[in-house]
């Protein structure tokens, strides 16, 4: 199972063997599952793909 990482500030093409994507739209299109520390408004359109322990949504 390939792993992709979304990190717009990272200055490399890969991180520990995983492709780094800097464009959020591309990341959301390509990802089947998104694991996030926090659920942000940027993820609401793909919430069905998101797994997070952010039960309260305190960062929204």
N, C-alpha and C. Protein backbone atom coordinates (compact mmCIF):
# COMPACT_ATOMS: atom_id res chain seq x y z
N UNK A 1 0.84 -1.16 0.00
CA UNK A 1 0.00 0.00 0.00
C UNK A 1 0.89 1.24 0.00
N UNK A 2 0.82 2.05 -1.03
CA UNK A 2 1.64 3.26 -1.06
C UNK A 2 1.12 4.30 -0.07
N UNK A 3 2.04 5.04 0.51
CA UNK A 3 1.71 6.10 1.45
C UNK A 3 2.14 7.42 0.83
N UNK A 4 1.23 8.40 0.85
CA UNK A 4 1.56 9.75 0.40
C UNK A 4 1.38 10.69 1.59
N UNK A 5 2.18 11.74 1.59
CA UNK A 5 2.20 12.70 2.70
C UNK A 5 1.88 14.08 2.15
N UNK A 6 0.97 14.79 2.81
CA UNK A 6 0.70 16.18 2.44
C UNK A 6 1.48 17.08 3.39
N UNK A 7 2.40 17.84 2.84
CA UNK A 7 3.17 18.80 3.65
C UNK A 7 3.68 19.90 2.73
N UNK A 8 2.98 21.03 2.68
CA UNK A 8 3.35 22.10 1.75
C UNK A 8 4.68 22.78 2.07
N UNK A 9 5.17 22.67 3.29
CA UNK A 9 6.41 23.34 3.69
C UNK A 9 7.65 22.47 3.53
N UNK A 10 7.48 21.19 3.21
CA UNK A 10 8.61 20.27 3.12
C UNK A 10 9.41 20.53 1.85
N UNK A 11 10.73 20.54 1.94
CA UNK A 11 11.60 20.82 0.79
C UNK A 11 12.21 19.55 0.23
N UNK A 12 11.39 18.61 -0.14
CA UNK A 12 11.88 17.38 -0.73
C UNK A 12 10.76 16.68 -1.47
N UNK A 13 11.13 15.69 -2.27
CA UNK A 13 10.14 14.94 -3.04
C UNK A 13 9.59 13.75 -2.27
N UNK A 14 10.37 13.27 -1.28
CA UNK A 14 9.89 12.15 -0.48
C UNK A 14 10.37 12.27 0.96
N UNK A 15 9.65 11.59 1.85
CA UNK A 15 9.99 11.56 3.27
C UNK A 15 9.98 10.12 3.71
N UNK A 16 11.15 9.61 4.06
CA UNK A 16 11.32 8.22 4.50
C UNK A 16 10.67 7.24 3.53
N UNK A 17 10.84 7.50 2.24
CA UNK A 17 10.34 6.61 1.21
C UNK A 17 8.92 6.85 0.76
N UNK A 18 8.24 7.84 1.33
CA UNK A 18 6.87 8.16 0.94
C UNK A 18 6.85 9.47 0.16
N UNK A 19 6.09 9.49 -0.93
CA UNK A 19 5.97 10.69 -1.75
C UNK A 19 5.34 11.83 -0.96
N UNK A 20 5.90 13.03 -1.10
CA UNK A 20 5.36 14.22 -0.45
C UNK A 20 4.63 15.05 -1.50
N UNK A 21 3.39 15.39 -1.20
CA UNK A 21 2.55 16.21 -2.08
C UNK A 21 2.33 17.55 -1.41
N UNK A 22 2.55 18.63 -2.15
CA UNK A 22 2.43 19.97 -1.59
C UNK A 22 1.09 20.63 -1.93
N UNK A 23 0.34 20.06 -2.85
CA UNK A 23 -0.94 20.61 -3.28
C UNK A 23 -2.08 19.84 -2.60
N UNK A 24 -2.88 20.53 -1.79
CA UNK A 24 -3.94 19.88 -1.02
C UNK A 24 -5.00 19.25 -1.91
N UNK A 25 -5.37 19.90 -2.99
CA UNK A 25 -6.38 19.35 -3.89
C UNK A 25 -5.91 18.03 -4.49
N UNK A 26 -4.67 17.99 -4.95
CA UNK A 26 -4.11 16.75 -5.49
C UNK A 26 -4.07 15.66 -4.42
N UNK A 27 -3.65 16.03 -3.22
CA UNK A 27 -3.58 15.06 -2.13
C UNK A 27 -4.95 14.45 -1.84
N UNK A 28 -5.98 15.30 -1.75
CA UNK A 28 -7.32 14.81 -1.44
C UNK A 28 -7.85 13.92 -2.55
N UNK A 29 -7.52 14.20 -3.80
CA UNK A 29 -7.96 13.38 -4.92
C UNK A 29 -7.28 12.02 -4.91
N UNK A 30 -6.01 11.98 -4.57
CA UNK A 30 -5.23 10.74 -4.65
C UNK A 30 -5.37 9.85 -3.43
N UNK A 31 -5.68 10.43 -2.28
CA UNK A 31 -5.73 9.66 -1.03
C UNK A 31 -7.03 8.87 -0.91
N UNK A 32 -6.91 7.61 -0.53
CA UNK A 32 -8.09 6.79 -0.22
C UNK A 32 -8.46 6.92 1.25
N UNK A 33 -7.47 7.19 2.08
CA UNK A 33 -7.64 7.35 3.52
C UNK A 33 -6.73 8.49 3.97
N UNK A 34 -7.25 9.38 4.80
CA UNK A 34 -6.47 10.49 5.32
C UNK A 34 -6.43 10.37 6.83
N UNK A 35 -5.23 10.29 7.37
CA UNK A 35 -5.05 10.25 8.82
C UNK A 35 -4.56 11.63 9.24
N UNK A 36 -5.32 12.27 10.11
CA UNK A 36 -5.03 13.66 10.49
C UNK A 36 -5.01 13.81 12.01
N UNK A 37 -4.07 14.63 12.49
CA UNK A 37 -4.05 14.95 13.92
C UNK A 37 -5.28 15.74 14.31
N UNK A 38 -5.67 16.67 13.46
CA UNK A 38 -6.82 17.52 13.71
C UNK A 38 -7.68 17.58 12.45
N UNK A 39 -8.97 17.74 12.64
CA UNK A 39 -9.88 17.92 11.51
C UNK A 39 -10.02 19.42 11.28
N UNK A 40 -9.63 19.86 10.10
CA UNK A 40 -9.74 21.29 9.77
C UNK A 40 -10.83 21.48 8.72
N UNK A 41 -11.21 22.73 8.52
CA UNK A 41 -12.23 23.04 7.51
C UNK A 41 -11.78 22.61 6.12
N UNK A 42 -10.48 22.54 5.88
CA UNK A 42 -9.95 22.12 4.58
C UNK A 42 -10.26 20.67 4.26
N UNK A 43 -10.67 19.89 5.25
CA UNK A 43 -10.94 18.46 5.04
C UNK A 43 -12.43 18.13 5.01
N UNK A 44 -13.29 19.11 5.18
CA UNK A 44 -14.73 18.82 5.25
C UNK A 44 -15.27 18.18 3.99
N UNK A 45 -14.74 18.52 2.83
CA UNK A 45 -15.25 17.93 1.58
C UNK A 45 -14.83 16.48 1.40
N UNK A 46 -13.88 16.01 2.19
CA UNK A 46 -13.43 14.61 2.11
C UNK A 46 -13.53 13.93 3.49
N UNK A 47 -14.45 14.40 4.32
CA UNK A 47 -14.54 13.90 5.69
C UNK A 47 -14.77 12.39 5.73
N UNK A 48 -15.38 11.84 4.70
CA UNK A 48 -15.60 10.39 4.63
C UNK A 48 -14.29 9.61 4.49
N UNK A 49 -13.20 10.28 4.14
CA UNK A 49 -11.89 9.65 4.01
C UNK A 49 -11.02 9.85 5.25
N UNK A 50 -11.47 10.67 6.20
CA UNK A 50 -10.62 11.12 7.31
C UNK A 50 -10.80 10.24 8.54
N UNK A 51 -9.66 9.85 9.12
CA UNK A 51 -9.61 9.22 10.43
C UNK A 51 -8.81 10.15 11.32
N UNK A 52 -9.39 10.51 12.46
CA UNK A 52 -8.72 11.43 13.38
C UNK A 52 -9.17 11.15 14.80
N UNK A 53 -8.31 11.45 15.76
CA UNK A 53 -8.66 11.36 17.17
C UNK A 53 -9.19 12.70 17.68
N UNK A 54 -9.36 13.66 16.79
CA UNK A 54 -9.86 14.99 17.14
C UNK A 54 -11.38 14.91 17.31
N UNK A 55 -11.81 14.40 18.44
CA UNK A 55 -13.23 14.16 18.68
C UNK A 55 -14.04 15.43 18.84
N UNK A 56 -13.43 16.47 19.35
CA UNK A 56 -14.16 17.71 19.60
C UNK A 56 -14.11 18.68 18.43
N UNK A 57 -13.20 18.46 17.48
CA UNK A 57 -13.04 19.41 16.39
C UNK A 57 -12.64 20.77 16.91
N UNK A 58 -11.80 20.78 17.91
CA UNK A 58 -11.46 22.02 18.61
C UNK A 58 -10.66 23.01 17.79
N UNK A 59 -10.07 22.57 16.69
CA UNK A 59 -9.26 23.48 15.88
C UNK A 59 -10.03 24.07 14.71
N UNK A 60 -11.31 23.79 14.62
CA UNK A 60 -12.10 24.30 13.50
C UNK A 60 -12.58 25.70 13.81
